[in-house]
Amino acid sequence: MASEDRSDWRELCKQAAVETDLSKLLELTAEIIRLIDEQRARPVQIAM
């Protein structure tokens, strides 16, 4: 699941890199930040 989240925000970053509409760029940026914040809030699982 973590790799799925990672690819989600990376895909949004690709879209933001070429977005020319400022409103859409702001929406993409907000979503990227939200996804990264969610990922950081999850406890780290250490495989043993």
Protein backbone atom coordinates (compact mmCIF):
# COMPACT_ATOMS: atom_id res chain seq x y z
CA MET A 1 0.00 0.00 0.00
CA ALA A 2 2.84 2.43 0.78
CA SER A 3 4.21 2.06 -2.75
CA GLU A 4 0.73 2.84 -4.09
CA ASP A 5 0.64 6.09 -2.06
CA ARG A 6 4.12 6.95 -3.23
CA SER A 7 3.22 6.51 -6.88
CA ASP A 8 0.05 8.57 -6.35
CA TRP A 9 1.92 11.64 -5.15
CA ARG A 10 4.67 11.13 -7.71
CA GLU A 11 2.09 11.03 -10.50
CA LEU A 12 0.56 14.25 -9.15
CA CYS A 13 4.04 15.81 -9.15
CA LYS A 14 4.43 14.92 -12.83
CA GLN A 15 1.10 16.56 -13.57
CA ALA A 16 2.00 19.66 -11.53
CA ALA A 17 5.32 20.01 -13.37
CA VAL A 18 3.53 20.68 -16.65
CA GLU A 19 0.33 22.34 -15.40
CA THR A 20 -0.17 25.85 -16.78
CA ASP A 21 -3.48 26.67 -15.07
CA LEU A 22 -2.68 28.29 -11.71
CA SER A 23 -5.87 27.10 -10.03
CA LYS A 24 -5.26 23.50 -11.08
CA LEU A 25 -1.62 23.78 -10.00
CA LEU A 26 -2.70 24.92 -6.54
CA GLU A 27 -5.15 22.01 -6.30
CA LEU A 28 -2.47 19.52 -7.32
CA THR A 29 -0.01 21.00 -4.85
CA ALA A 30 -2.51 20.81 -2.00
CA GLU A 31 -3.24 17.17 -2.81
CA ILE A 32 0.47 16.31 -3.00
CA ILE A 33 1.04 17.88 0.42
CA ARG A 34 -1.95 16.04 1.87
CA LEU A 35 -0.73 12.67 0.59
CA ILE A 36 2.81 13.23 1.86
CA ASP A 37 1.53 14.38 5.27
CA GLU A 38 -0.62 11.24 5.49
CA GLN A 39 2.35 9.07 4.64
CA ARG A 40 4.53 10.77 7.27
CA ALA A 41 1.84 10.38 9.94
CA ARG A 42 1.82 6.60 9.60
CA PRO A 43 4.00 4.64 11.98
CA VAL A 44 7.10 3.15 10.40
CA GLN A 45 6.99 -0.63 10.16
CA ILE A 46 10.33 -2.36 10.62
CA ALA A 47 10.64 -5.84 9.10
CA MET A 48 12.54 -8.31 11.22
